Protein backbone atom coordinates (compact mmCIF):
# COMPACT_ATOMS: atom_id res chain seq x y z
CA MET A 1 0.00 0.00 0.00
CA ILE A 2 0.95 3.66 -0.30
CA SER A 3 2.30 6.02 2.34
CA ILE A 4 2.13 9.70 1.36
CA ILE A 5 4.91 11.84 2.85
CA ILE A 6 4.60 15.63 2.91
CA PRO A 7 7.34 17.91 4.34
CA THR A 8 5.96 21.19 5.70
CA LEU A 9 7.21 24.51 7.02
CA ASN A 10 4.66 27.28 7.59
CA GLU A 11 2.11 25.87 5.13
CA GLU A 12 -1.14 26.90 6.85
CA ALA A 13 -2.47 28.37 3.60
CA GLN A 14 -2.02 25.08 1.71
CA ILE A 15 -2.00 22.05 3.97
CA GLY A 16 -5.72 21.93 4.74
CA LYS A 17 -6.65 22.17 1.08
CA LEU A 18 -4.16 19.46 0.22
CA LEU A 19 -5.27 17.02 2.92
CA GLU A 20 -8.92 17.31 1.93
CA HIS A 21 -7.93 16.91 -1.70
CA LEU A 22 -5.95 13.75 -0.94
CA LEU A 23 -8.77 12.19 1.07
CA ALA A 24 -11.31 13.07 -1.62
CA ASN A 25 -9.27 11.75 -4.53
CA SER A 26 -7.77 8.54 -3.18
CA SER A 27 -8.93 5.16 -1.93
CA ALA A 28 -8.47 4.13 1.70
CA THR A 29 -7.84 0.59 0.45
CA ILE A 30 -4.71 1.83 -1.37
CA THR A 31 -3.53 4.88 0.57
CA ARG A 32 -2.74 3.59 4.04
CA GLU A 33 -1.54 6.82 5.61
CA ILE A 34 -0.61 10.44 5.06
CA ILE A 35 2.48 11.47 7.00
CA ILE A 36 3.13 15.17 7.47
CA VAL A 37 6.65 15.88 8.67
CA ASP A 38 6.90 19.41 10.00
CA GLY A 39 10.21 21.26 10.15
CA GLY A 40 9.28 23.77 12.86
CA SER A 41 6.29 25.74 11.59
CA LYS A 42 5.46 28.95 13.48
CA ASP A 43 1.97 29.30 11.99
CA ASN A 44 -1.13 27.07 12.25
CA THR A 45 0.17 24.26 10.03
CA LYS A 46 0.39 21.68 12.81
CA ARG A 47 -2.99 22.62 14.28
CA ILE A 48 -4.68 22.11 10.91
CA VAL A 49 -2.97 18.75 10.44
CA GLN A 50 -4.07 17.71 13.92
CA ASP A 51 -7.66 18.67 13.07
CA PHE A 52 -7.54 16.32 10.10
CA SER A 53 -5.89 13.61 12.15
CA ASN A 54 -8.75 13.78 14.65
CA PHE A 55 -11.21 13.84 11.75
CA THR A 56 -9.98 10.50 10.43
CA LYS A 57 -9.83 8.82 13.83
CA THR A 58 -13.33 9.60 15.07
CA SER A 59 -16.92 9.56 13.85
CA ASN A 60 -17.11 13.34 14.18
CA LYS A 61 -17.33 14.40 10.53
CA LYS A 62 -16.91 18.16 10.66
CA ALA A 63 -17.13 20.07 7.42
CA PHE A 64 -13.73 21.20 6.24
CA ASN A 65 -13.69 24.14 3.88
CA TYR A 66 -9.98 24.48 3.19
CA ILE A 67 -10.38 23.26 -0.35
CA ASP A 68 -10.23 25.39 -3.50
CA ASN A 69 -13.04 24.07 -5.71
CA SER A 70 -11.63 25.78 -8.79
CA VAL A 71 -8.40 23.79 -8.58
CA ILE A 72 -9.54 20.19 -8.29
CA ASP A 73 -12.32 17.78 -9.10
CA LYS A 74 -13.73 17.41 -5.58
CA LYS A 75 -15.57 14.48 -4.03
CA THR A 76 -17.27 15.78 -0.90
CA ILE A 77 -16.24 14.16 2.35
CA THR A 78 -19.33 13.70 4.51
CA ASP A 79 -20.26 10.58 6.47
CA GLU A 80 -18.11 8.13 4.52
CA LYS A 81 -15.74 6.41 6.91
CA THR A 82 -12.09 6.76 6.01
CA GLU A 83 -9.33 4.37 7.00
CA THR A 84 -6.53 6.58 5.76
CA TYR A 85 -4.62 7.69 8.82
CA ILE A 86 -2.98 11.08 9.13
CA LEU A 87 0.18 11.24 11.19
CA LEU A 88 2.04 14.40 12.23
CA LEU A 89 5.77 14.14 12.93
CA ASN A 90 8.16 16.82 14.13
CA SER A 91 11.59 17.00 12.55
CA GLU A 92 14.69 19.09 12.25
CA LYS A 93 14.27 21.62 9.44
CA GLY A 94 15.36 20.43 5.99
CA ARG A 95 13.26 18.68 3.35
CA ALA A 96 15.67 15.75 2.97
CA LYS A 97 15.71 15.13 6.73
CA GLN A 98 11.96 15.53 6.98
CA MET A 99 11.20 13.16 4.10
CA ASN A 100 13.70 10.56 5.32
CA LEU A 101 12.03 10.58 8.74
CA GLY A 102 8.64 10.15 7.08
CA ALA A 103 9.96 7.25 5.02
CA LYS A 104 11.42 5.63 8.14
CA MET A 105 8.06 5.78 9.90
CA ALA A 106 5.99 4.75 6.86
CA SER A 107 4.22 1.39 6.92
CA GLY A 108 3.44 1.26 3.19
CA ASP A 109 5.63 -0.52 0.66
CA ILE A 110 5.25 2.40 -1.79
CA LEU A 111 6.34 5.91 -0.77
CA TYR A 112 4.79 8.97 -2.37
CA PHE A 113 6.66 12.23 -1.68
CA LEU A 114 4.54 15.31 -2.24
CA HIS A 115 4.99 19.05 -1.76
CA ALA A 116 2.34 20.90 0.24
CA ASP A 117 1.38 23.08 -2.75
CA SER A 118 1.03 20.27 -5.31
CA PHE A 119 -2.31 18.56 -5.96
CA PRO A 120 -2.19 15.14 -7.66
CA PRO A 121 -4.90 13.98 -10.09
CA LYS A 122 -8.05 12.08 -9.25
CA ASN A 123 -7.35 8.44 -8.32
CA PHE A 124 -3.63 9.23 -8.17
CA ASP A 125 -2.96 6.34 -5.80
CA ARG A 126 -4.52 3.82 -8.16
CA HIS A 127 -2.41 5.18 -11.04
CA ILE A 128 0.73 4.77 -8.93
CA LEU A 129 -0.19 1.26 -7.84
CA ASN A 130 -0.87 0.22 -11.44
CA GLN A 131 2.59 1.39 -12.50
CA VAL A 132 4.29 -0.49 -9.68
CA LYS A 133 2.39 -3.64 -10.65
CA LYS A 134 3.80 -3.20 -14.16
CA GLY A 135 7.32 -3.22 -12.72
CA ASN A 136 7.87 0.54 -12.69
CA GLU A 137 9.29 1.17 -9.23
CA ALA A 138 9.58 4.96 -9.42
CA GLY A 139 8.16 7.92 -11.27
CA CYS A 140 5.99 11.00 -11.19
CA PHE A 141 3.00 12.71 -12.81
CA ARG A 142 2.92 15.35 -15.49
CA MET A 143 2.68 18.82 -14.00
CA GLN A 144 0.58 21.88 -14.66
CA PHE A 145 1.29 25.21 -12.97
CA ASP A 146 -1.70 27.21 -11.74
CA SER A 147 -0.64 30.06 -14.01
CA SER A 148 -1.50 31.25 -17.50
CA HIS A 149 2.00 32.62 -18.15
CA TRP A 150 3.17 31.29 -21.49
CA TRP A 151 6.56 30.13 -20.19
CA LEU A 152 5.07 28.18 -17.29
CA ARG A 153 2.48 26.66 -19.62
CA LEU A 154 5.29 25.58 -21.96
CA ALA A 155 7.38 24.20 -19.09
CA SER A 156 4.32 22.29 -17.89
CA TRP A 157 3.73 20.83 -21.36
CA PHE A 158 7.29 19.48 -21.52
CA THR A 159 6.80 17.47 -18.32
CA LYS A 160 4.88 14.84 -20.30
CA PHE A 161 8.18 13.65 -21.79
CA ASN A 162 10.31 11.16 -19.88
CA TRP A 163 13.43 13.30 -20.17
CA ARG A 164 15.70 14.01 -17.22
CA ALA A 165 15.76 17.75 -17.98
CA CYS A 166 11.97 17.89 -17.54
CA ARG A 167 11.97 16.56 -13.97
CA GLY A 168 11.70 18.27 -10.60
CA GLY A 169 10.37 17.77 -7.09
CA ASP A 170 7.20 19.77 -7.72
CA GLN A 171 5.94 16.92 -9.91
CA SER A 172 5.91 14.64 -6.82
CA GLN A 173 7.78 11.36 -6.59
CA PHE A 174 6.62 7.81 -6.03
CA ILE A 175 9.14 5.07 -5.29
CA THR A 176 8.99 1.62 -3.75
CA LYS A 177 10.40 1.48 -0.24
CA SER A 178 12.86 -1.22 -1.27
CA LEU A 179 14.31 0.90 -4.08
CA PHE A 180 14.41 3.98 -1.85
CA LYS A 181 16.47 2.06 0.71
CA ALA A 182 18.73 0.62 -1.99
CA ILE A 183 19.52 4.11 -3.28
CA GLY A 184 20.28 5.33 0.23
CA GLN A 185 17.37 7.74 0.79
CA PHE A 186 17.58 11.50 0.28
CA ASP A 187 21.01 13.07 0.75
CA GLU A 188 20.64 15.06 3.98
CA ASN A 189 23.66 17.19 3.15
CA TYR A 190 21.38 19.10 0.79
CA CYS A 191 18.81 21.57 2.12
CA ILE A 192 17.64 22.09 -1.47
CA TYR A 193 18.17 20.06 -4.66
CA GLU A 194 17.78 16.79 -2.74
CA ASP A 195 14.94 15.70 -5.02
CA ASN A 196 17.06 16.20 -8.13
CA ILE A 197 19.85 14.07 -6.72
CA LEU A 198 17.40 11.22 -6.13
CA ILE A 199 15.95 11.66 -9.61
CA ASN A 200 19.46 11.53 -11.12
CA GLU A 201 20.03 8.18 -9.43
CA LEU A 202 16.71 6.83 -10.66
CA TYR A 203 17.45 7.81 -14.26
CA ALA A 204 20.91 6.28 -13.96
CA ARG A 205 19.20 3.03 -12.98
CA LYS A 206 16.62 3.44 -15.78
CA GLN A 207 13.89 3.33 -13.15
CA PHE A 208 11.57 6.21 -13.95
CA VAL A 209 8.14 6.50 -15.53
CA VAL A 210 5.95 9.55 -16.16
CA ILE A 211 2.25 8.96 -15.56
CA ASN A 212 0.21 10.79 -18.20
CA LYS A 213 -2.08 12.53 -15.70
CA LYS A 214 -1.70 16.12 -14.56
CA LEU A 215 -0.69 17.19 -11.10
CA LYS A 216 -1.43 20.86 -10.43
CA SER A 217 1.34 22.77 -8.69
CA SER A 218 1.42 26.30 -7.31
CA ALA A 219 3.39 28.96 -9.17
CA ARG A 220 3.57 31.04 -5.98
CA MET A 221 7.37 31.36 -6.06
CA TYR A 222 7.21 32.62 -9.65
CA ARG A 223 4.55 35.14 -8.65
CA LYS A 224 6.64 36.27 -5.70
CA HIS A 225 9.96 36.73 -7.50
CA GLY A 226 8.89 37.12 -11.12
CA VAL A 227 8.95 34.36 -13.72
CA TRP A 228 12.21 35.24 -15.48
CA LYS A 229 14.10 36.25 -12.36
CA LEU A 230 13.27 33.01 -10.56
CA GLN A 231 13.93 30.90 -13.64
CA TYR A 232 17.33 32.55 -13.96
CA PHE A 233 18.14 31.63 -10.34
CA TYR A 234 16.99 28.03 -10.88
CA TRP A 235 19.10 27.67 -14.01
CA ASN A 236 22.12 29.01 -12.10
CA ILE A 237 21.58 26.41 -9.37
CA TYR A 238 21.55 23.60 -11.95
CA LEU A 239 24.67 25.05 -13.59
CA LYS A 240 26.50 25.38 -10.28
CA LYS A 241 25.73 21.76 -9.41
CA TRP A 242 26.88 20.61 -12.84
CA LEU A 243 30.15 22.55 -12.38
CA GLY A 244 30.75 20.82 -9.06
CA ALA A 245 29.35 23.15 -6.40
CA ASN A 246 28.81 21.44 -3.06
CA ALA A 247 25.65 21.42 -0.92
CA ASP A 248 26.68 24.46 1.16
CA ASP A 249 27.49 26.55 -1.92
CA ILE A 250 24.14 25.77 -3.52
CA TYR A 251 22.21 26.51 -0.34
CA SER A 252 24.05 29.82 0.19
CA TYR A 253 23.16 30.89 -3.34
CA TYR A 254 19.54 29.88 -2.80
CA LYS A 255 19.23 31.74 0.51
CA LYS A 256 20.81 34.89 -0.91
CA ASN A 257 18.66 35.09 -4.03
CA ILE A 258 15.45 33.19 -3.31
CA GLY A 259 15.25 32.90 0.47
C-alpha cells in the first residue's frame, strides 16, 4: 500500500486544502496513511494537520472548507468512513531530513513524496499502484502550474516527456520502499536540490516513468519573484551543481537570491 509523505514549514495556507484533496481523490484501500513531517512551523500548520488527524480517527465528521473548488475535481467528504490515517511528525528543518524521517516511519511498501502546494490527479494512488504492478518502481506525474503565463504553460507541457531535464520535485515522486532504501534515501547534506539528486540516481538506474495525468502545482514562487528572475536563479543552481558546487554553496546561493 501507499504512504504519502509531505514535508511542511509554515504551510497553513495550503496544507488543509491538500489534505482534503488527498482524502477526496484517493482510496483508503490503497492509501494507508498520510504522513506530514513538520520542520518547525510557526503558523497554524500543525494545528490544521491535527484537526484532520482527529477527523480521520473519530466519527465526528466536521465540514472542512480548506479546499479550492476551482483547482480540483472534488468528491465531498461527509459521512463516509475513512481508514486513511494522518500522522504528524516533528523533525529538524530540511526537506531531505523531513522526508527521510517520514519514510522511516511509513508502513506502506510504496512511498509517495509530495509538496504541500502540489495537488495530484483524481485516483492518483490507483495510477501509482498500477505502475508499480507493471514493474515501474519509481516515477511522477505530469505537472501543470496554476498560471497562464506562457513560459510556465510551456514548461508544464514538456513534463509529459520522460526526459531528465523535464523533472523536478514539484511533480511529486513515487518510489517503492525497497528501491528507496537501496539508493540510500535523500542526501541530507542538501537543504535544497535533494529531489534532483534522487531523480538523477533513478534515471541512472533506468527506473523512472511519467504517468500521463496532470498534477497541479502552485506557481507562488514565480509570482513572488517574477517568472524570469526566478527561472534565472533556478538555471544558475543547476549550472552550479553541474560545475561541481557542493551542498553548502548551492544553499548559500539559494538563501541569498530566493530565500
